[in-house]
């Protein structure tokens, strides 16, 4: 972090030649598992001060979750014209990591707090729950034809679901310790397919911590690194396992889903507690695979970061959740 300030100044000299930006403060932002984030305050030659968020990859061997900064940068550039949802304005991208030490996205720092923090201090979470539901319903209504061309776009819903379940087949073959659970869950999921819905943009880390709210203006959605085109019910299923209190889905599932159906036009047959349970399994597939890969690499020459051993518990927890879903919905 001590080196990041001077590095950022050298980057700004190239990104904004002639403005002579000087970094007057730079500090880490804690809380994220996957990326390294920092907040930097810059004073330009004309006296203007701006604060930026720098979001980059961790050093090799120190992380657990992998994602693509190039793809995230392309998506963030496309979102303003593709979706009604607001995101912090992106300013620059160190595409090679030459200046900032790793590939890093630079965006404006919004004067806002996380929606999770606001929920935790609210006497009545109802209005904030509605805001959360409406925000992600809008994410799911994104114009898919305006997203980056290289973002994988399945031809239809059955093909997408088949691909997700095939991913579990692959995981079962690669990670034998999880094979009995994954084989059973995959068999069960194939036999209990829910009604289809139109494919949409899935955020991939749907939780109030990734929604910022300020004194004015619309909410801002952040952390798009796991976004993909898929079944939007994955986001709701994923949120049900977030342990931060209050979890406003579990506070009143029927109210939550009624609001979501009203915002999206989907039916009760398509969106109900049973389909949400089902799509927890689908929505956790990508992250579970990364957890399994990290656990398998412990002790290997190119071992993962220190977080990997602690996240082994998350694998067992997901096995328990998946089996409980199969029991409930059978």
Protein backbone atom coordinates (compact mmCIF):
# COMPACT_ATOMS: atom_id res chain seq x y z
CA UNK A 1 0.00 0.00 0.00
CA UNK A 2 2.94 2.35 0.66
CA UNK A 3 4.07 1.89 -2.94
CA UNK A 4 0.60 2.29 -4.42
CA UNK A 5 0.41 6.06 -4.01
CA UNK A 6 3.58 6.78 -6.06
CA UNK A 7 2.54 4.13 -8.58
CA UNK A 8 -0.86 5.78 -8.99
CA UNK A 9 0.78 9.16 -9.51
CA UNK A 10 2.88 7.73 -12.34
CA UNK A 11 -0.26 6.20 -13.83
CA UNK A 12 -2.12 9.52 -13.64
CA UNK A 13 0.73 11.27 -15.43
CA UNK A 14 -0.02 9.02 -18.42
CA UNK A 15 -3.82 8.86 -18.06
CA UNK A 16 -4.24 12.63 -17.49
CA UNK A 17 -1.12 14.33 -18.92
CA UNK A 18 -0.72 17.94 -17.90
CA UNK A 19 -3.04 17.81 -14.88
CA UNK A 20 -0.23 16.91 -12.47
CA UNK A 21 -2.22 14.77 -10.07
CA UNK A 22 -0.68 14.22 -6.65
CA UNK A 23 -1.87 11.44 -4.35
CA UNK A 24 -2.40 12.99 -0.92
CA UNK A 25 -3.91 9.91 0.75
CA UNK A 26 -4.12 6.21 -0.04
CA UNK A 27 -5.61 3.49 2.16
CA UNK A 28 -6.80 -0.08 1.77
CA UNK A 29 -10.49 -1.00 1.72
CA UNK A 30 -11.10 -4.16 3.70
CA UNK A 31 -13.92 -6.66 3.47
CA UNK A 32 -13.62 -8.21 0.02
CA UNK A 33 -12.47 -11.80 -0.40
CA UNK A 34 -11.38 -11.72 -4.02
CA UNK A 35 -9.83 -8.42 -5.10
CA UNK A 36 -7.50 -5.83 -3.60
CA UNK A 37 -9.19 -2.45 -3.23
CA UNK A 38 -7.89 0.94 -2.17
CA UNK A 39 -9.21 4.48 -1.79
CA UNK A 40 -6.95 7.27 -3.09
CA UNK A 41 -7.45 11.02 -2.79
CA UNK A 42 -5.86 13.06 -5.58
CA UNK A 43 -5.15 16.78 -5.71
CA UNK A 44 -4.78 18.15 -9.23
CA UNK A 45 -2.62 21.12 -10.23
CA UNK A 46 -5.67 23.42 -10.35
CA UNK A 47 -6.53 22.59 -6.73
CA UNK A 48 -9.43 20.27 -7.49
CA UNK A 49 -9.51 17.16 -5.30
CA UNK A 50 -11.10 13.85 -6.29
CA UNK A 51 -11.30 10.48 -4.58
CA UNK A 52 -10.99 7.26 -6.54
CA UNK A 53 -11.39 3.53 -5.90
CA UNK A 54 -8.66 1.27 -7.25
CA UNK A 55 -9.69 -2.35 -7.76
CA UNK A 56 -7.08 -4.88 -8.81
CA UNK A 57 -5.96 -8.48 -8.69
CA UNK A 58 -4.13 -9.78 -5.61
CA UNK A 59 -0.52 -10.90 -5.99
CA UNK A 60 -0.09 -14.42 -7.44
CA UNK A 61 -0.46 -17.08 -4.77
CA UNK A 62 -2.33 -14.85 -2.32
CA UNK A 63 -5.91 -15.21 -3.55
CA UNK A 64 -8.57 -17.91 -3.78
CA UNK A 65 -11.19 -16.61 -6.20
CA UNK A 66 -10.28 -15.90 -9.81
CA UNK A 67 -11.99 -13.54 -12.22
CA UNK A 68 -11.15 -11.54 -15.32
CA UNK A 69 -10.43 -7.79 -15.00
CA UNK A 70 -10.54 -7.31 -18.79
CA UNK A 71 -14.07 -8.73 -18.88
CA UNK A 72 -15.13 -6.68 -15.86
CA UNK A 73 -13.78 -3.48 -17.43
CA UNK A 74 -15.66 -4.16 -20.67
CA UNK A 75 -18.86 -4.85 -18.76
CA UNK A 76 -18.57 -1.70 -16.64
CA UNK A 77 -18.15 0.35 -19.79
CA UNK A 78 -21.23 -1.25 -21.37
CA UNK A 79 -23.59 -1.06 -18.39
CA UNK A 80 -24.53 2.65 -18.54
CA UNK A 81 -26.30 2.13 -21.89
CA UNK A 82 -27.49 -1.42 -21.22
CA UNK A 83 -29.23 -1.15 -17.88
CA UNK A 84 -31.21 1.38 -15.82
CA UNK A 85 -29.09 0.44 -12.80
CA UNK A 86 -26.40 2.95 -11.84
CA UNK A 87 -22.77 2.05 -11.20
CA UNK A 88 -19.83 4.22 -10.07
CA UNK A 89 -18.32 5.97 -13.07
CA UNK A 90 -15.24 4.13 -14.35
CA UNK A 91 -12.34 6.40 -15.26
CA UNK A 92 -9.27 4.42 -16.29
CA UNK A 93 -7.87 0.92 -16.58
CA UNK A 94 -4.29 -0.27 -16.13
CA UNK A 95 -4.74 -3.16 -18.53
CA UNK A 96 -1.24 -4.56 -18.16
CA UNK A 97 -0.55 -3.83 -14.50
CA UNK A 98 2.56 -1.93 -15.60
CA UNK A 99 1.78 1.04 -13.36
CA UNK A 100 -0.32 -0.24 -10.46
CA UNK A 101 1.33 -3.64 -10.01
CA UNK A 102 -1.60 -5.68 -11.33
CA UNK A 103 -4.48 -5.17 -13.71
CA UNK A 104 -6.58 -2.53 -11.97
CA UNK A 105 -9.77 -0.58 -12.62
CA UNK A 106 -10.02 3.01 -11.37
CA UNK A 107 -13.47 4.43 -10.69
CA UNK A 108 -15.02 7.38 -8.90
CA UNK A 109 -15.55 7.03 -5.17
CA UNK A 110 -19.20 7.64 -4.35
CA UNK A 111 -20.19 9.44 -1.12
CA UNK A 112 -22.36 6.52 -0.02
CA UNK A 113 -22.77 3.67 2.45
CA UNK A 114 -23.57 0.05 1.83
CA UNK A 115 -27.24 -0.89 1.86
CA UNK A 116 -26.35 -3.69 4.31
CA UNK A 117 -25.13 -1.08 6.81
CA UNK A 118 -28.31 0.94 6.32
CA UNK A 119 -30.46 -2.16 6.88
CA UNK A 120 -28.57 -3.01 10.07
CA UNK A 121 -29.36 0.37 11.60
CA UNK A 122 -32.92 0.77 10.30
CA UNK A 123 -35.95 0.42 12.55
CA UNK A 124 -38.07 -0.57 9.55
CA UNK A 125 -36.24 -2.51 6.82
CA UNK A 126 -39.31 -2.70 4.59
CA UNK A 127 -38.48 0.30 2.35
CA UNK A 128 -34.83 -0.80 2.10
CA UNK A 129 -35.94 -4.33 1.22
CA UNK A 130 -38.05 -2.90 -1.61
CA UNK A 131 -35.07 -0.85 -2.80
CA UNK A 132 -32.87 -3.94 -2.81
CA UNK A 133 -35.41 -6.07 -4.68
CA UNK A 134 -36.17 -3.36 -7.23
CA UNK A 135 -32.45 -2.77 -7.85
CA UNK A 136 -31.72 -6.37 -8.72
CA UNK A 137 -34.93 -6.74 -10.68
CA UNK A 138 -33.59 -3.88 -12.81
CA UNK A 139 -30.22 -5.66 -13.15
CA UNK A 140 -32.08 -8.71 -14.45
CA UNK A 141 -33.87 -6.54 -17.01
CA UNK A 142 -30.60 -5.39 -18.63
CA UNK A 143 -30.54 -5.23 -22.43
CA UNK A 144 -28.48 -8.31 -23.28
CA UNK A 145 -27.81 -7.11 -26.83
CA UNK A 146 -25.86 -4.17 -25.40
CA UNK A 147 -23.48 -6.25 -23.31
CA UNK A 148 -19.93 -7.00 -24.49
CA UNK A 149 -19.82 -9.30 -27.50
CA UNK A 150 -17.38 -11.68 -25.85
CA UNK A 151 -19.65 -12.28 -22.84
CA UNK A 152 -20.96 -15.85 -23.30
CA UNK A 153 -24.64 -15.80 -24.27
CA UNK A 154 -26.37 -19.20 -24.11
CA UNK A 155 -28.85 -19.74 -26.95
CA UNK A 156 -31.75 -20.63 -24.65
CA UNK A 157 -32.72 -21.54 -21.10
CA UNK A 158 -32.51 -25.38 -21.42
CA UNK A 159 -29.00 -25.11 -22.88
CA UNK A 160 -27.92 -22.83 -20.04
CA UNK A 161 -29.26 -25.11 -17.32
CA UNK A 162 -27.75 -28.18 -18.98
CA UNK A 163 -24.40 -26.41 -19.03
CA UNK A 164 -24.61 -25.50 -15.35
CA UNK A 165 -25.42 -29.08 -14.37
CA UNK A 166 -22.66 -30.39 -16.64
CA UNK A 167 -20.32 -28.21 -14.61
CA UNK A 168 -21.25 -30.19 -11.52
CA UNK A 169 -20.55 -33.41 -13.41
CA UNK A 170 -17.10 -32.08 -14.24
CA UNK A 171 -16.46 -31.06 -10.62
CA UNK A 172 -17.48 -34.51 -9.39
CA UNK A 173 -14.88 -36.04 -11.72
CA UNK A 174 -12.11 -33.64 -10.71
CA UNK A 175 -12.68 -33.55 -6.93
CA UNK A 176 -13.45 -37.10 -5.68
CA UNK A 177 -14.04 -36.04 -2.07
CA UNK A 178 -17.11 -34.09 -3.19
CA UNK A 179 -18.24 -36.54 -5.86
CA UNK A 180 -20.94 -38.41 -3.84
CA UNK A 181 -22.76 -35.19 -2.93
CA UNK A 182 -22.34 -33.53 -6.33
CA UNK A 183 -23.44 -36.62 -8.26
CA UNK A 184 -26.56 -36.99 -6.14
CA UNK A 185 -27.44 -33.27 -6.29
CA UNK A 186 -26.92 -33.17 -10.05
CA UNK A 187 -29.13 -36.22 -10.57
CA UNK A 188 -31.80 -34.65 -8.37
CA UNK A 189 -31.58 -31.24 -10.12
CA UNK A 190 -32.00 -32.83 -13.54
CA UNK A 191 -35.11 -34.65 -12.34
CA UNK A 192 -36.71 -31.54 -10.77
CA UNK A 193 -36.26 -28.78 -13.35
CA UNK A 194 -38.31 -25.68 -12.55
CA UNK A 195 -40.30 -23.69 -15.12
CA UNK A 196 -38.02 -21.67 -17.42
CA UNK A 197 -37.70 -17.88 -17.42
CA UNK A 198 -36.03 -15.53 -19.93
CA UNK A 199 -32.27 -15.39 -19.54
CA UNK A 200 -30.94 -12.20 -17.97
CA UNK A 201 -27.86 -10.53 -16.60
CA UNK A 202 -26.94 -12.25 -13.33
CA UNK A 203 -24.81 -10.16 -10.96
CA UNK A 204 -23.23 -13.21 -9.33
CA UNK A 205 -22.74 -11.68 -5.87
CA UNK A 206 -26.22 -10.44 -5.04
CA UNK A 207 -26.25 -8.94 -1.56
CA UNK A 208 -27.00 -5.53 0.00
CA UNK A 209 -23.28 -5.01 0.70
CA UNK A 210 -22.84 -4.56 -3.05
CA UNK A 211 -25.44 -1.78 -3.25
CA UNK A 212 -24.36 1.71 -2.21
CA UNK A 213 -26.86 4.35 -1.13
CA UNK A 214 -26.15 8.02 -0.56
CA UNK A 215 -27.97 11.15 0.55
CA UNK A 216 -29.18 11.71 -3.00
CA UNK A 217 -29.29 9.95 -6.34
CA UNK A 218 -30.05 6.34 -7.24
CA UNK A 219 -28.39 3.33 -5.58
CA UNK A 220 -25.11 2.18 -7.11
CA UNK A 221 -24.36 -1.49 -7.74
CA UNK A 222 -20.71 -2.53 -7.38
CA UNK A 223 -18.52 -5.67 -7.66
CA UNK A 224 -19.51 -7.10 -11.05
CA UNK A 225 -16.63 -9.56 -11.40
CA UNK A 226 -18.85 -12.68 -11.41
CA UNK A 227 -21.58 -11.24 -13.65
CA UNK A 228 -22.79 -13.47 -16.46
CA UNK A 229 -25.83 -14.18 -18.60
CA UNK A 230 -27.97 -16.87 -16.98
CA UNK A 231 -31.13 -17.47 -15.00
CA UNK A 232 -31.86 -14.38 -12.87
CA UNK A 233 -33.25 -16.53 -10.06
CA UNK A 234 -29.64 -17.51 -9.31
CA UNK A 235 -29.10 -14.11 -7.70
CA UNK A 236 -32.00 -14.59 -5.29
CA UNK A 237 -30.92 -18.13 -4.47
CA UNK A 238 -27.37 -16.94 -3.86
CA UNK A 239 -28.57 -14.19 -1.52
CA UNK A 240 -30.45 -16.65 0.70
CA UNK A 241 -27.15 -18.06 2.00
CA UNK A 242 -25.59 -14.68 2.89
CA UNK A 243 -25.09 -14.78 6.69
CA UNK A 244 -25.07 -11.01 7.35
CA UNK A 245 -27.97 -9.77 9.45
CA UNK A 246 -30.55 -8.74 8.61
CA UNK A 247 -31.08 -11.10 5.68
CA UNK A 248 -34.23 -9.50 4.33
CA UNK A 249 -35.20 -12.53 2.26
CA UNK A 250 -35.56 -14.73 5.32
CA UNK A 251 -37.28 -11.93 7.24
CA UNK A 252 -40.31 -12.37 4.96
CA UNK A 253 -39.79 -14.58 1.88
CA UNK A 254 -43.32 -14.12 0.54
CA UNK A 255 -43.13 -10.33 0.70
CA UNK A 256 -39.68 -10.36 -0.92
CA UNK A 257 -40.78 -12.59 -3.80
CA UNK A 258 -44.09 -10.80 -4.29
CA UNK A 259 -42.17 -7.56 -4.79
CA UNK A 260 -39.76 -9.25 -7.20
CA UNK A 261 -42.57 -10.75 -9.27
CA UNK A 262 -44.27 -7.36 -9.49
CA UNK A 263 -41.02 -5.74 -10.66
CA UNK A 264 -40.18 -8.39 -13.26
CA UNK A 265 -43.56 -9.65 -14.46
CA UNK A 266 -42.63 -13.25 -13.66
CA UNK A 267 -45.32 -15.58 -12.32
CA UNK A 268 -45.67 -17.28 -8.96
CA UNK A 269 -45.04 -20.59 -10.70
CA UNK A 270 -41.69 -19.24 -11.90
CA UNK A 271 -40.64 -17.43 -8.71
CA UNK A 272 -41.49 -18.96 -5.36
CA UNK A 273 -39.54 -20.30 -2.35
CA UNK A 274 -39.05 -23.67 -4.06
CA UNK A 275 -37.51 -22.23 -7.24
CA UNK A 276 -35.33 -19.93 -5.13
CA UNK A 277 -34.05 -22.99 -3.24
CA UNK A 278 -33.33 -24.74 -6.53
CA UNK A 279 -31.34 -21.82 -7.90
CA UNK A 280 -29.21 -21.59 -4.80
CA UNK A 281 -27.64 -24.79 -6.14
CA UNK A 282 -27.15 -23.29 -9.61
CA UNK A 283 -26.04 -19.88 -8.33
CA UNK A 284 -23.26 -21.34 -6.16
CA UNK A 285 -21.72 -23.51 -8.89
CA UNK A 286 -18.92 -21.19 -10.03
CA UNK A 287 -17.81 -20.23 -6.53
CA UNK A 288 -17.98 -23.80 -5.28
CA UNK A 289 -15.67 -24.90 -8.07
CA UNK A 290 -13.14 -22.25 -7.06
CA UNK A 291 -13.37 -23.36 -3.43
CA UNK A 292 -12.75 -26.96 -4.45
CA UNK A 293 -9.77 -25.97 -6.60
CA UNK A 294 -8.27 -23.92 -3.77
CA UNK A 295 -8.73 -26.72 -1.24
CA UNK A 296 -7.10 -29.23 -3.60
CA UNK A 297 -4.11 -26.91 -4.05
CA UNK A 298 -3.30 -26.64 -0.34
CA UNK A 299 0.18 -28.08 0.11
CA UNK A 300 0.96 -27.98 -3.61
CA UNK A 301 4.01 -26.04 -4.87
CA UNK A 302 1.78 -23.24 -6.16
CA UNK A 303 -0.52 -23.17 -3.17
CA UNK A 304 -3.36 -20.65 -2.80
CA UNK A 305 -3.63 -17.82 -0.29
CA UNK A 306 -4.06 -18.26 3.44
CA UNK A 307 -7.83 -17.88 3.08
CA UNK A 308 -8.12 -21.27 1.36
CA UNK A 309 -7.83 -23.47 4.50
CA UNK A 310 -10.49 -21.43 6.28
CA UNK A 311 -12.88 -21.76 3.35
CA UNK A 312 -12.82 -25.56 3.50
CA UNK A 313 -15.66 -25.19 6.01
CA UNK A 314 -17.64 -23.42 3.28
CA UNK A 315 -17.43 -26.54 1.10
CA UNK A 316 -18.97 -28.70 3.82
CA UNK A 317 -21.56 -26.03 4.48
CA UNK A 318 -22.57 -25.96 0.82
CA UNK A 319 -22.84 -29.75 0.73
CA UNK A 320 -25.22 -29.54 3.71
CA UNK A 321 -27.28 -26.78 2.07
CA UNK A 322 -27.58 -28.69 -1.21
CA UNK A 323 -28.67 -31.92 0.44
CA UNK A 324 -31.19 -30.07 2.61
CA UNK A 325 -32.68 -28.48 -0.50
CA UNK A 326 -33.04 -31.87 -2.16
CA UNK A 327 -34.82 -33.16 0.94
CA UNK A 328 -37.16 -30.16 1.21
CA UNK A 329 -38.16 -30.09 -2.43
CA UNK A 330 -38.59 -33.85 -2.81
